[in-house]
Amino acid sequence: MWQQDGVLVRVPASTANLGPGFDTLGMALHLHLWIAMKPAETTVIRLHGSELAGIPTDESNLIYRVAHSVFRAAGVEGRPLEMDVYSEIPLTRGLGSSASAIIGGLYAANALIGHPLSQEQLFNMATLIERHPDNVGASLFGGIIAAAWDGEQTEHIRIEPHGDLSTVVAIPQFQLETKMARNVLPAHVSLADAVFNISRSSLLVAALSSGQLHVIATAMRDRLHQPYRASLIPGMPRILDEAPGHGALGVALSGAGPTLLAFTDKRRSNASLVSYMKETFLAHGVEATVMEVEISREGAVCCGTWDGISSVLAARINL
């Protein structure tokens, strides 16, 4: 049952909400977390890369803990694990770093014991941990995900991204805890705001499903969370209003932020948009990394055995 030579798993980052689809829409992005995992005599966790600074390396590690939840769910006696983890996903920036860790731990552990749990079981487990299905669904299945969760079970539909669709992300050089970003949200919203978001979210799903990219700017508008979070992110209101005039198909806060994400058309240059987003953040006193990031059509995958992590690390951090 146990894969003694271990497994190597790759998991994409994700963006959630896409504007109006609060806690329901997610999309995978071409930034990745790699986890090498194998059974061991004693627990050893090695973290690589600056994005994982400060993460625990004992059995309180999130990836380790969710791995053992798979063993329990599958009725398999848990064993100590040796793990190497490398991530290029910035922490607490609205790009699904915790969701990728959850999916990575679940997926790797399931592969390590012969895949006894289905994808849907893993999705339900991940959503129960994360408390919303958008990020974890995107990281597990890839592409664009529309999902619903009733507190026990998840349902989702995967949308294949249009071939011309890509993104530009602006990642401010400060962290924003999801808890803080949720605490600024109101407990109640008006009927008018609810209808506004339902209509835009429906239009956005239809646009993404049909490839009618010209309506994305209108469809990505939101009244449920972005107006309340704007005070936490200098420059955000201006970018949301003005980015379509610099080439964005539409723009939104990525998850709880502070990253902003713009949909773009691959057939056009993004130079103006990249410059605009970077300069606008700078004008508000915020350094930001602004770059083009492809949508990941692929979700979590096994991409080798445990020792394959060495080539990943050598290629990315010059070990």
C-alpha atoms as a PDB file:
ATOM      1  CA  MET A   1       0.000   0.000   0.000  1.00  0.00           C
ATOM      2  CA  TRP A   2       2.654   2.540   1.005  1.00  0.00           C
ATOM      3  CA  GLN A   3       4.772   3.943  -1.824  1.00  0.00           C
ATOM      4  CA  GLN A   4       8.161   3.391  -0.230  1.00  0.00           C
ATOM      5  CA  ASP A   5      10.005   5.558  -2.765  1.00  0.00           C
ATOM      6  CA  GLY A   6       7.631   8.404  -1.962  1.00  0.00           C
ATOM      7  CA  VAL A   7       5.798  10.877  -4.147  1.00  0.00           C
ATOM      8  CA  LEU A   8       6.410  14.330  -5.571  1.00  0.00           C
ATOM      9  CA  VAL A   9       3.321  16.521  -5.992  1.00  0.00           C
ATOM     10  CA  ARG A  10       2.897  19.888  -7.728  1.00  0.00           C
ATOM     11  CA  VAL A  11      -0.017  22.176  -6.796  1.00  0.00           C
ATOM     12  CA  PRO A  12      -0.963  25.486  -8.456  1.00  0.00           C
ATOM     13  CA  ALA A  13      -1.698  28.769  -6.704  1.00  0.00           C
ATOM     14  CA  SER A  14      -5.199  30.164  -6.951  1.00  0.00           C
ATOM     15  CA  THR A  15      -7.194  33.353  -7.010  1.00  0.00           C
ATOM     16  CA  ALA A  16     -10.675  33.535  -5.515  1.00  0.00           C
ATOM     17  CA  ASN A  17     -13.857  35.551  -5.967  1.00  0.00           C
ATOM     18  CA  LEU A  18     -12.892  37.072  -9.370  1.00  0.00           C
ATOM     19  CA  GLY A  19     -14.802  40.132  -8.194  1.00  0.00           C
ATOM     20  CA  PRO A  20     -18.445  39.267  -7.525  1.00  0.00           C
ATOM     21  CA  GLY A  21     -18.180  35.506  -6.905  1.00  0.00           C
ATOM     22  CA  PHE A  22     -17.475  35.781  -3.184  1.00  0.00           C
ATOM     23  CA  ASP A  23     -16.440  32.364  -1.771  1.00  0.00           C
ATOM     24  CA  THR A  24     -17.762  30.615  -4.906  1.00  0.00           C
ATOM     25  CA  LEU A  25     -15.453  31.321  -7.872  1.00  0.00           C
ATOM     26  CA  GLY A  26     -11.808  30.301  -8.058  1.00  0.00           C
ATOM     27  CA  MET A  27      -9.107  30.009 -10.692  1.00  0.00           C
ATOM     28  CA  ALA A  28      -5.748  28.217 -10.741  1.00  0.00           C
ATOM     29  CA  LEU A  29      -2.605  30.211 -11.517  1.00  0.00           C
ATOM     30  CA  HIS A  30       0.772  29.140 -12.864  1.00  0.00           C
ATOM     31  CA  LEU A  31       2.692  29.572  -9.612  1.00  0.00           C
ATOM     32  CA  HIS A  32       3.355  26.355  -7.742  1.00  0.00           C
ATOM     33  CA  LEU A  33       3.986  24.520  -4.498  1.00  0.00           C
ATOM     34  CA  TRP A  34       6.001  21.283  -4.619  1.00  0.00           C
ATOM     35  CA  ILE A  35       5.814  18.636  -1.900  1.00  0.00           C
ATOM     36  CA  ALA A  36       8.040  15.566  -1.732  1.00  0.00           C
ATOM     37  CA  MET A  37       6.722  13.061   0.811  1.00  0.00           C
ATOM     38  CA  LYS A  38       7.721   9.555   1.895  1.00  0.00           C
ATOM     39  CA  PRO A  39       7.269   7.311   4.941  1.00  0.00           C
ATOM     40  CA  ALA A  40      10.102   7.525   7.460  1.00  0.00           C
ATOM     41  CA  GLU A  41      11.250   6.325  10.862  1.00  0.00           C
ATOM     42  CA  THR A  42      11.105   9.839  12.339  1.00  0.00           C
ATOM     43  CA  THR A  43       9.475  13.051  11.164  1.00  0.00           C
ATOM     44  CA  VAL A  44      11.736  15.331   9.084  1.00  0.00           C
ATOM     45  CA  ILE A  45      10.391  18.459   7.362  1.00  0.00           C
ATOM     46  CA  ARG A  46      12.676  20.623   5.242  1.00  0.00           C
ATOM     47  CA  LEU A  47      11.429  23.917   3.792  1.00  0.00           C
ATOM     48  CA  HIS A  48      13.094  25.601   0.834  1.00  0.00           C
ATOM     49  CA  GLY A  49      12.743  29.118  -0.520  1.00  0.00           C
ATOM     50  CA  SER A  50      12.004  32.482   1.045  1.00  0.00           C
ATOM     51  CA  GLU A  51       8.218  32.142   0.675  1.00  0.00           C
ATOM     52  CA  LEU A  52       8.149  29.539   3.468  1.00  0.00           C
ATOM     53  CA  ALA A  53      10.052  31.529   6.084  1.00  0.00           C
ATOM     54  CA  GLY A  54       8.547  31.060   9.533  1.00  0.00           C
ATOM     55  CA  ILE A  55       6.489  27.963   8.683  1.00  0.00           C
ATOM     56  CA  PRO A  56       6.739  25.211  11.351  1.00  0.00           C
ATOM     57  CA  THR A  57       9.000  22.246  10.658  1.00  0.00           C
ATOM     58  CA  ASP A  58       7.559  19.936  13.305  1.00  0.00           C
ATOM     59  CA  GLU A  59       4.343  17.931  13.425  1.00  0.00           C
ATOM     60  CA  SER A  60       2.287  21.126  13.789  1.00  0.00           C
ATOM     61  CA  ASN A  61       3.062  21.857  10.126  1.00  0.00           C
ATOM     62  CA  LEU A  62      -0.196  22.251   8.169  1.00  0.00           C
ATOM     63  CA  ILE A  63       0.849  19.923   5.345  1.00  0.00           C
ATOM     64  CA  TYR A  64       1.883  17.232   7.835  1.00  0.00           C
ATOM     65  CA  ARG A  65      -1.377  17.543   9.758  1.00  0.00           C
ATOM     66  CA  VAL A  66      -3.639  17.308   6.704  1.00  0.00           C
ATOM     67  CA  ALA A  67      -1.611  14.356   5.414  1.00  0.00           C
ATOM     68  CA  HIS A  68      -2.434  12.452   8.586  1.00  0.00           C
ATOM     69  CA  SER A  69      -6.118  13.341   8.186  1.00  0.00           C
ATOM     70  CA  VAL A  70      -5.999  11.374   4.925  1.00  0.00           C
ATOM     71  CA  PHE A  71      -4.524   8.343   6.665  1.00  0.00           C
ATOM     72  CA  ARG A  72      -7.320   8.472   9.255  1.00  0.00           C
ATOM     73  CA  ALA A  73     -10.035   8.888   6.623  1.00  0.00           C
ATOM     74  CA  ALA A  74      -8.656   5.938   4.661  1.00  0.00           C
ATOM     75  CA  GLY A  75      -8.378   3.749   7.757  1.00  0.00           C
ATOM     76  CA  VAL A  76      -4.595   3.525   7.430  1.00  0.00           C
ATOM     77  CA  GLU A  77      -2.314   3.681  10.447  1.00  0.00           C
ATOM     78  CA  GLY A  78      -0.275   6.858  10.243  1.00  0.00           C
ATOM     79  CA  ARG A  79       3.499   6.869   9.995  1.00  0.00           C
ATOM     80  CA  PRO A  80       6.166   9.541  10.456  1.00  0.00           C
ATOM     81  CA  LEU A  81       6.884  11.402   7.224  1.00  0.00           C
ATOM     82  CA  GLU A  82       9.919  12.883   5.586  1.00  0.00           C
ATOM     83  CA  MET A  83       8.997  15.949   3.542  1.00  0.00           C
ATOM     84  CA  ASP A  84      10.720  18.522   1.374  1.00  0.00           C
ATOM     85  CA  VAL A  85       8.583  21.537   0.484  1.00  0.00           C
ATOM     86  CA  TYR A  86       9.295  24.348  -1.955  1.00  0.00           C
ATOM     87  CA  SER A  87       6.892  27.159  -2.824  1.00  0.00           C
ATOM     88  CA  GLU A  88       6.876  30.100  -5.210  1.00  0.00           C
ATOM     89  CA  ILE A  89       3.441  31.236  -3.916  1.00  0.00           C
ATOM     90  CA  PRO A  90       3.665  34.344  -1.703  1.00  0.00           C
ATOM     91  CA  LEU A  91       2.180  33.896   1.768  1.00  0.00           C
ATOM     92  CA  THR A  92      -0.901  35.876   2.866  1.00  0.00           C
ATOM     93  CA  ARG A  93      -1.150  37.827  -0.386  1.00  0.00           C
ATOM     94  CA  GLY A  94      -4.453  36.498  -1.713  1.00  0.00           C
ATOM     95  CA  LEU A  95      -2.966  33.802  -3.964  1.00  0.00           C
ATOM     96  CA  GLY A  96      -4.171  30.727  -2.092  1.00  0.00           C
ATOM     97  CA  SER A  97      -0.987  29.754  -0.256  1.00  0.00           C
ATOM     98  CA  SER A  98      -2.901  27.963   2.514  1.00  0.00           C
ATOM     99  CA  ALA A  99      -5.237  26.276   0.014  1.00  0.00           C
ATOM    100  CA  SER A 100      -2.297  24.944  -2.006  1.00  0.00           C
ATOM    101  CA  ALA A 101      -0.726  23.587   1.193  1.00  0.00           C
ATOM    102  CA  ILE A 102      -3.985  21.868   2.159  1.00  0.00           C
ATOM    103  CA  ILE A 103      -4.493  20.356  -1.285  1.00  0.00           C
ATOM    104  CA  GLY A 104      -0.832  19.410  -1.509  1.00  0.00           C
ATOM    105  CA  GLY A 105      -0.881  17.616   1.836  1.00  0.00           C
ATOM    106  CA  LEU A 106      -4.108  15.766   1.041  1.00  0.00           C
ATOM    107  CA  TYR A 107      -3.106  14.858  -2.503  1.00  0.00           C
ATOM    108  CA  ALA A 108       0.417  13.700  -1.624  1.00  0.00           C
ATOM    109  CA  ALA A 109      -0.746  11.602   1.327  1.00  0.00           C
ATOM    110  CA  ASN A 110      -3.479  10.001  -0.765  1.00  0.00           C
ATOM    111  CA  ALA A 111      -0.953   9.137  -3.489  1.00  0.00           C
ATOM    112  CA  LEU A 112       1.462   7.801  -0.887  1.00  0.00           C
ATOM    113  CA  ILE A 113      -1.041   5.112   0.166  1.00  0.00           C
ATOM    114  CA  GLY A 114      -2.314   4.214  -3.305  1.00  0.00           C
ATOM    115  CA  HIS A 115      -5.109   6.771  -3.928  1.00  0.00           C
ATOM    116  CA  PRO A 116      -7.880   5.198  -1.798  1.00  0.00           C
ATOM    117  CA  LEU A 117      -9.821   8.486  -1.581  1.00  0.00           C
ATOM    118  CA  SER A 118     -11.564  10.048  -4.580  1.00  0.00           C
ATOM    119  CA  GLN A 119     -11.003  13.585  -5.835  1.00  0.00           C
ATOM    120  CA  GLU A 120     -14.421  14.533  -4.475  1.00  0.00           C
ATOM    121  CA  GLN A 121     -13.538  13.189  -1.038  1.00  0.00           C
ATOM    122  CA  LEU A 122     -10.335  15.225  -1.055  1.00  0.00           C
ATOM    123  CA  PHE A 123     -12.300  18.290  -2.162  1.00  0.00           C
ATOM    124  CA  ASN A 124     -14.776  17.893   0.687  1.00  0.00           C
ATOM    125  CA  MET A 125     -11.982  17.437   3.215  1.00  0.00           C
ATOM    126  CA  ALA A 126     -10.119  20.493   1.909  1.00  0.00           C
ATOM    127  CA  THR A 127     -13.236  22.659   1.973  1.00  0.00           C
ATOM    128  CA  LEU A 128     -14.003  21.628   5.549  1.00  0.00           C
ATOM    129  CA  ILE A 129     -10.504  22.773   6.551  1.00  0.00           C
ATOM    130  CA  GLU A 130     -10.468  25.990   4.465  1.00  0.00           C
ATOM    131  CA  ARG A 131     -14.177  26.785   5.103  1.00  0.00           C
ATOM    132  CA  HIS A 132     -14.817  27.835   1.504  1.00  0.00           C
ATOM    133  CA  PRO A 133     -14.413  25.838  -1.725  1.00  0.00           C
ATOM    134  CA  ASP A 134     -13.073  28.357  -4.245  1.00  0.00           C
ATOM    135  CA  ASN A 135      -9.294  28.301  -3.679  1.00  0.00           C
ATOM    136  CA  VAL A 136      -9.013  24.610  -2.810  1.00  0.00           C
ATOM    137  CA  GLY A 137     -11.205  23.630  -5.765  1.00  0.00           C
ATOM    138  CA  ALA A 138      -9.067  25.615  -8.197  1.00  0.00           C
ATOM    139  CA  SER A 139      -5.834  24.142  -6.820  1.00  0.00           C
ATOM    140  CA  LEU A 140      -7.210  20.606  -6.958  1.00  0.00           C
ATOM    141  CA  PHE A 141      -8.914  20.654 -10.355  1.00  0.00           C
ATOM    142  CA  GLY A 142      -7.186  23.487 -12.245  1.00  0.00           C
ATOM    143  CA  GLY A 143      -8.856  25.960 -14.569  1.00  0.00           C
ATOM    144  CA  ILE A 144     -11.817  27.984 -13.313  1.00  0.00           C
ATOM    145  CA  ILE A 145     -14.146  26.582 -10.647  1.00  0.00           C
ATOM    146  CA  ALA A 146     -17.703  27.536  -9.719  1.00  0.00           C
ATOM    147  CA  ALA A 147     -18.503  25.820  -6.421  1.00  0.00           C
ATOM    148  CA  ALA A 148     -21.020  25.672  -3.593  1.00  0.00           C
ATOM    149  CA  TRP A 149     -20.672  24.292  -0.067  1.00  0.00           C
ATOM    150  CA  ASP A 150     -23.479  23.648   2.413  1.00  0.00           C
ATOM    151  CA  GLY A 151     -21.197  23.063   5.389  1.00  0.00           C
ATOM    152  CA  GLU A 152     -20.897  19.352   4.677  1.00  0.00           C
ATOM    153  CA  GLN A 153     -20.785  18.649   0.938  1.00  0.00           C
ATOM    154  CA  THR A 154     -19.343  20.525  -2.022  1.00  0.00           C
ATOM    155  CA  GLU A 155     -20.568  20.719  -5.600  1.00  0.00           C
ATOM    156  CA  HIS A 156     -18.520  22.205  -8.403  1.00  0.00           C
ATOM    157  CA  ILE A 157     -18.327  22.722 -12.126  1.00  0.00           C
ATOM    158  CA  ARG A 158     -14.982  23.267 -13.820  1.00  0.00           C
ATOM    159  CA  ILE A 159     -14.779  25.791 -16.649  1.00  0.00           C
ATOM    160  CA  GLU A 160     -11.976  25.434 -19.182  1.00  0.00           C
ATOM    161  CA  PRO A 161     -10.386  28.879 -19.583  1.00  0.00           C
ATOM    162  CA  HIS A 162     -10.594  30.508 -23.008  1.00  0.00           C
ATOM    163  CA  GLY A 163      -7.374  30.047 -24.962  1.00  0.00           C
ATOM    164  CA  ASP A 164      -6.741  33.800 -25.254  1.00  0.00           C
ATOM    165  CA  LEU A 165      -7.294  34.499 -21.562  1.00  0.00           C
ATOM    166  CA  SER A 166      -4.386  35.245 -19.226  1.00  0.00           C
ATOM    167  CA  THR A 167      -3.684  37.468 -16.226  1.00  0.00           C
ATOM    168  CA  VAL A 168      -1.481  40.181 -14.813  1.00  0.00           C
ATOM    169  CA  VAL A 169      -1.066  40.172 -11.036  1.00  0.00           C
ATOM    170  CA  ALA A 170       0.112  43.043  -8.865  1.00  0.00           C
ATOM    171  CA  ILE A 171       1.487  41.727  -5.565  1.00  0.00           C
ATOM    172  CA  PRO A 172       2.049  44.471  -2.964  1.00  0.00           C
ATOM    173  CA  GLN A 173       5.033  43.978  -0.697  1.00  0.00           C
ATOM    174  CA  PHE A 174       3.001  43.655   2.470  1.00  0.00           C
ATOM    175  CA  GLN A 175       0.973  40.807   3.925  1.00  0.00           C
ATOM    176  CA  LEU A 176      -2.736  40.909   4.683  1.00  0.00           C
ATOM    177  CA  GLU A 177      -4.170  38.213   6.914  1.00  0.00           C
ATOM    178  CA  THR A 178      -7.453  36.766   5.650  1.00  0.00           C
ATOM    179  CA  LYS A 179      -8.953  37.144   9.120  1.00  0.00           C
ATOM    180  CA  MET A 180      -8.302  40.888   9.073  1.00  0.00           C
ATOM    181  CA  ALA A 181      -9.733  41.214   5.558  1.00  0.00           C
ATOM    182  CA  ARG A 182     -12.880  39.345   6.622  1.00  0.00           C
ATOM    183  CA  ASN A 183     -13.310  41.368   9.785  1.00  0.00           C
ATOM    184  CA  VAL A 184     -13.979  44.552   7.795  1.00  0.00           C
ATOM    185  CA  LEU A 185     -16.944  42.987   5.994  1.00  0.00           C
ATOM    186  CA  PRO A 186     -20.478  43.866   7.117  1.00  0.00           C
ATOM    187  CA  ALA A 187     -22.687  41.239   8.719  1.00  0.00           C
ATOM    188  CA  HIS A 188     -25.607  42.251   6.495  1.00  0.00           C
ATOM    189  CA  VAL A 189     -25.916  43.689   2.990  1.00  0.00           C
ATOM    190  CA  SER A 190     -28.779  45.408   1.207  1.00  0.00           C
ATOM    191  CA  LEU A 191     -31.065  43.624  -1.218  1.00  0.00           C
ATOM    192  CA  ALA A 192     -29.823  45.980  -3.948  1.00  0.00           C
ATOM    193  CA  ASP A 193     -26.192  44.988  -3.335  1.00  0.00           C
ATOM    194  CA  ALA A 194     -27.102  41.289  -3.229  1.00  0.00           C
ATOM    195  CA  VAL A 195     -28.909  41.541  -6.570  1.00  0.00           C
ATOM    196  CA  PHE A 196     -26.011  43.548  -8.008  1.00  0.00           C
ATOM    197  CA  ASN A 197     -23.553  40.764  -7.159  1.00  0.00           C
ATOM    198  CA  ILE A 198     -25.790  37.888  -8.207  1.00  0.00           C
ATOM    199  CA  SER A 199     -26.283  39.473 -11.621  1.00  0.00           C
ATOM    200  CA  ARG A 200     -22.568  40.193 -12.132  1.00  0.00           C
ATOM    201  CA  SER A 201     -21.471  36.784 -10.894  1.00  0.00           C
ATOM    202  CA  SER A 202     -23.953  35.071 -13.226  1.00  0.00           C
ATOM    203  CA  LEU A 203     -22.787  37.227 -16.125  1.00  0.00           C
ATOM    204  CA  LEU A 204     -19.137  36.486 -15.342  1.00  0.00           C
ATOM    205  CA  VAL A 205     -19.671  32.716 -15.305  1.00  0.00           C
ATOM    206  CA  ALA A 206     -21.564  32.960 -18.603  1.00  0.00           C
ATOM    207  CA  ALA A 207     -18.800  35.100 -20.133  1.00  0.00           C
ATOM    208  CA  LEU A 208     -16.027  32.755 -19.003  1.00  0.00           C
ATOM    209  CA  SER A 209     -17.961  29.686 -20.169  1.00  0.00           C
ATOM    210  CA  SER A 210     -18.800  31.129 -23.596  1.00  0.00           C
ATOM    211  CA  GLY A 211     -15.597  33.037 -24.266  1.00  0.00           C
ATOM    212  CA  GLN A 212     -17.364  36.384 -24.568  1.00  0.00           C
ATOM    213  CA  LEU A 213     -14.478  38.281 -23.042  1.00  0.00           C
ATOM    214  CA  HIS A 214     -15.793  41.757 -23.891  1.00  0.00           C
ATOM    215  CA  VAL A 215     -18.242  41.715 -20.956  1.00  0.00           C
ATOM    216  CA  ILE A 216     -15.704  40.746 -18.286  1.00  0.00           C
ATOM    217  CA  ALA A 217     -15.044  44.315 -17.108  1.00  0.00           C
ATOM    218  CA  THR A 218     -18.731  44.833 -16.316  1.00  0.00           C
ATOM    219  CA  ALA A 219     -19.147  41.323 -14.914  1.00  0.00           C
ATOM    220  CA  MET A 220     -16.242  41.622 -12.435  1.00  0.00           C
ATOM    221  CA  ARG A 221     -17.749  44.531 -10.514  1.00  0.00           C
ATOM    222  CA  ASP A 222     -18.557  43.880  -6.868  1.00  0.00           C
ATOM    223  CA  ARG A 223     -20.364  45.442  -3.918  1.00  0.00           C
ATOM    224  CA  LEU A 224     -20.064  42.700  -1.281  1.00  0.00           C
ATOM    225  CA  HIS A 225     -16.408  42.800  -0.261  1.00  0.00           C
ATOM    226  CA  GLN A 226     -14.133  45.003  -2.362  1.00  0.00           C
ATOM    227  CA  PRO A 227     -15.534  48.386  -1.247  1.00  0.00           C
ATOM    228  CA  TYR A 228     -15.003  47.409   2.407  1.00  0.00           C
ATOM    229  CA  ARG A 229     -11.485  46.060   1.869  1.00  0.00           C
ATOM    230  CA  ALA A 230     -10.341  49.055  -0.175  1.00  0.00           C
ATOM    231  CA  SER A 231      -9.214  50.918   2.952  1.00  0.00           C
ATOM    232  CA  LEU A 232      -6.684  48.137   3.652  1.00  0.00           C
ATOM    233  CA  ILE A 233      -4.970  48.414   0.258  1.00  0.00           C
ATOM    234  CA  PRO A 234      -3.708  51.853  -0.834  1.00  0.00           C
ATOM    235  CA  GLY A 235      -4.321  52.480  -4.541  1.00  0.00           C
ATOM    236  CA  MET A 236      -6.839  49.672  -4.948  1.00  0.00           C
ATOM    237  CA  PRO A 237      -9.958  51.782  -5.754  1.00  0.00           C
ATOM    238  CA  ARG A 238      -8.094  53.684  -8.450  1.00  0.00           C
ATOM    239  CA  ILE A 239      -6.743  50.511 -10.068  1.00  0.00           C
ATOM    240  CA  LEU A 240     -10.173  48.855 -10.042  1.00  0.00           C
ATOM    241  CA  ASP A 241     -11.620  51.877 -11.834  1.00  0.00           C
ATOM    242  CA  GLU A 242      -8.815  52.636 -14.259  1.00  0.00           C
ATOM    243  CA  ALA A 243      -7.085  49.357 -15.186  1.00  0.00           C
ATOM    244  CA  PRO A 244      -9.572  48.528 -18.009  1.00  0.00           C
ATOM    245  CA  GLY A 245      -8.456  51.752 -19.662  1.00  0.00           C
ATOM    246  CA  HIS A 246      -4.889  50.405 -19.731  1.00  0.00           C
ATOM    247  CA  GLY A 247      -5.678  47.076 -21.371  1.00  0.00           C
ATOM    248  CA  ALA A 248      -7.254  44.937 -18.648  1.00  0.00           C
ATOM    249  CA  LEU A 249     -10.315  42.932 -19.646  1.00  0.00           C
ATOM    250  CA  GLY A 250     -11.401  43.278 -16.019  1.00  0.00           C
ATOM    251  CA  VAL A 251      -9.759  43.597 -12.622  1.00  0.00           C
ATOM    252  CA  ALA A 252     -10.500  42.452  -9.079  1.00  0.00           C
ATOM    253  CA  LEU A 253      -9.008  41.902  -5.662  1.00  0.00           C
ATOM    254  CA  SER A 254      -7.449  38.439  -5.578  1.00  0.00           C
ATOM    255  CA  GLY A 255      -9.101  36.584  -2.731  1.00  0.00           C
ATOM    256  CA  ALA A 256      -8.800  38.613   0.470  1.00  0.00           C
ATOM    257  CA  GLY A 257      -5.909  40.591  -1.027  1.00  0.00           C
ATOM    258  CA  PRO A 258      -3.726  42.532  -1.116  1.00  0.00           C
ATOM    259  CA  THR A 259      -2.914  41.199  -4.602  1.00  0.00           C
ATOM    260  CA  LEU A 260      -4.913  42.616  -7.496  1.00  0.00           C
ATOM    261  CA  LEU A 261      -5.580  40.451 -10.546  1.00  0.00           C
ATOM    262  CA  ALA A 262      -6.430  41.614 -14.055  1.00  0.00           C
ATOM    263  CA  PHE A 263      -7.711  39.397 -16.823  1.00  0.00           C
ATOM    264  CA  THR A 264      -5.857  40.049 -20.069  1.00  0.00           C
ATOM    265  CA  ASP A 265      -5.985  39.016 -23.719  1.00  0.00           C
ATOM    266  CA  LYS A 266      -2.875  37.114 -24.854  1.00  0.00           C
ATOM    267  CA  ARG A 267      -3.154  38.687 -28.311  1.00  0.00           C
ATOM    268  CA  ARG A 268      -2.360  42.129 -26.881  1.00  0.00           C
ATOM    269  CA  SER A 269       0.667  43.585 -25.123  1.00  0.00           C
ATOM    270  CA  ASN A 270       0.414  43.994 -21.356  1.00  0.00           C
ATOM    271  CA  ALA A 271       3.266  46.511 -21.096  1.00  0.00           C
ATOM    272  CA  SER A 272       0.997  49.503 -20.467  1.00  0.00           C
ATOM    273  CA  LEU A 273      -1.062  47.651 -17.863  1.00  0.00           C
ATOM    274  CA  VAL A 274       2.007  46.367 -15.994  1.00  0.00           C
ATOM    275  CA  SER A 275       3.511  49.865 -15.865  1.00  0.00           C
ATOM    276  CA  TYR A 276       0.223  51.437 -14.820  1.00  0.00           C
ATOM    277  CA  MET A 277      -0.394  49.035 -11.915  1.00  0.00           C
ATOM    278  CA  LYS A 278       3.164  49.305 -10.625  1.00  0.00           C
ATOM    279  CA  GLU A 279       3.232  53.104 -10.866  1.00  0.00           C
ATOM    280  CA  THR A 280      -0.190  53.498  -9.252  1.00  0.00           C
ATOM    281  CA  PHE A 281       0.834  51.451  -6.239  1.00  0.00           C
ATOM    282  CA  LEU A 282       4.068  53.448  -6.008  1.00  0.00           C
ATOM    283  CA  ALA A 283       2.087  56.695  -6.093  1.00  0.00           C
ATOM    284  CA  HIS A 284       0.307  55.437  -2.971  1.00  0.00           C
ATOM    285  CA  GLY A 285       3.548  54.495  -1.227  1.00  0.00           C
ATOM    286  CA  VAL A 286       3.385  50.751  -1.947  1.00  0.00           C
ATOM    287  CA  GLU A 287       6.064  48.651  -3.638  1.00  0.00           C
ATOM    288  CA  ALA A 288       4.514  45.921  -5.779  1.00  0.00           C
ATOM    289  CA  THR A 289       5.715  43.097  -7.974  1.00  0.00           C
ATOM    290  CA  VAL A 290       3.660  43.197 -11.169  1.00  0.00           C
ATOM    291  CA  MET A 291       3.923  40.320 -13.625  1.00  0.00           C
ATOM    292  CA  GLU A 292       2.085  38.255 -16.180  1.00  0.00           C
ATOM    293  CA  VAL A 293       0.905  34.896 -14.814  1.00  0.00           C
ATOM    294  CA  GLU A 294      -0.713  32.244 -16.970  1.00  0.00           C
ATOM    295  CA  ILE A 295      -3.895  30.487 -15.881  1.00  0.00           C
ATOM    296  CA  SER A 296      -3.087  26.917 -14.880  1.00  0.00           C
ATOM    297  CA  ARG A 297      -5.258  24.442 -16.749  1.00  0.00           C
ATOM    298  CA  GLU A 298      -3.783  21.689 -14.585  1.00  0.00           C
ATOM    299  CA  GLY A 299      -4.593  21.154 -10.934  1.00  0.00           C
ATOM    300  CA  ALA A 300      -2.698  19.033  -8.399  1.00  0.00           C
ATOM    301  CA  VAL A 301      -0.611  16.279 -10.009  1.00  0.00           C
ATOM    302  CA  CYS A 302       1.931  13.650  -9.073  1.00  0.00           C
ATOM    303  CA  CYS A 303       5.051  14.493 -11.043  1.00  0.00           C
ATOM    304  CA  GLY A 304       7.570  11.950  -9.776  1.00  0.00           C
ATOM    305  CA  THR A 305       8.954  10.160  -6.759  1.00  0.00           C
ATOM    306  CA  TRP A 306      10.338  11.737  -3.607  1.00  0.00           C
ATOM    307  CA  ASP A 307      13.891  12.177  -4.938  1.00  0.00           C
ATOM    308  CA  GLY A 308      12.585  14.212  -7.884  1.00  0.00           C
ATOM    309  CA  ILE A 309      12.465  17.249  -5.604  1.00  0.00           C
ATOM    310  CA  SER A 310      16.214  17.672  -6.035  1.00  0.00           C
ATOM    311  CA  SER A 311      15.856  18.690  -9.676  1.00  0.00           C
ATOM    312  CA  VAL A 312      13.035  21.095  -8.788  1.00  0.00           C
ATOM    313  CA  LEU A 313      15.181  22.776  -6.149  1.00  0.00           C
ATOM    314  CA  ALA A 314      18.258  22.854  -8.379  1.00  0.00           C
ATOM    315  CA  ALA A 315      16.315  24.561 -11.152  1.00  0.00           C
ATOM    316  CA  ARG A 316      14.658  27.152  -8.917  1.00  0.00           C
ATOM    317  CA  ILE A 317      16.936  28.006  -6.022  1.00  0.00           C
ATOM    318  CA  ASN A 318      20.316  26.953  -7.415  1.00  0.00           C
ATOM    319  CA  LEU A 319      21.065  24.165  -4.970  1.00  0.00           C
END
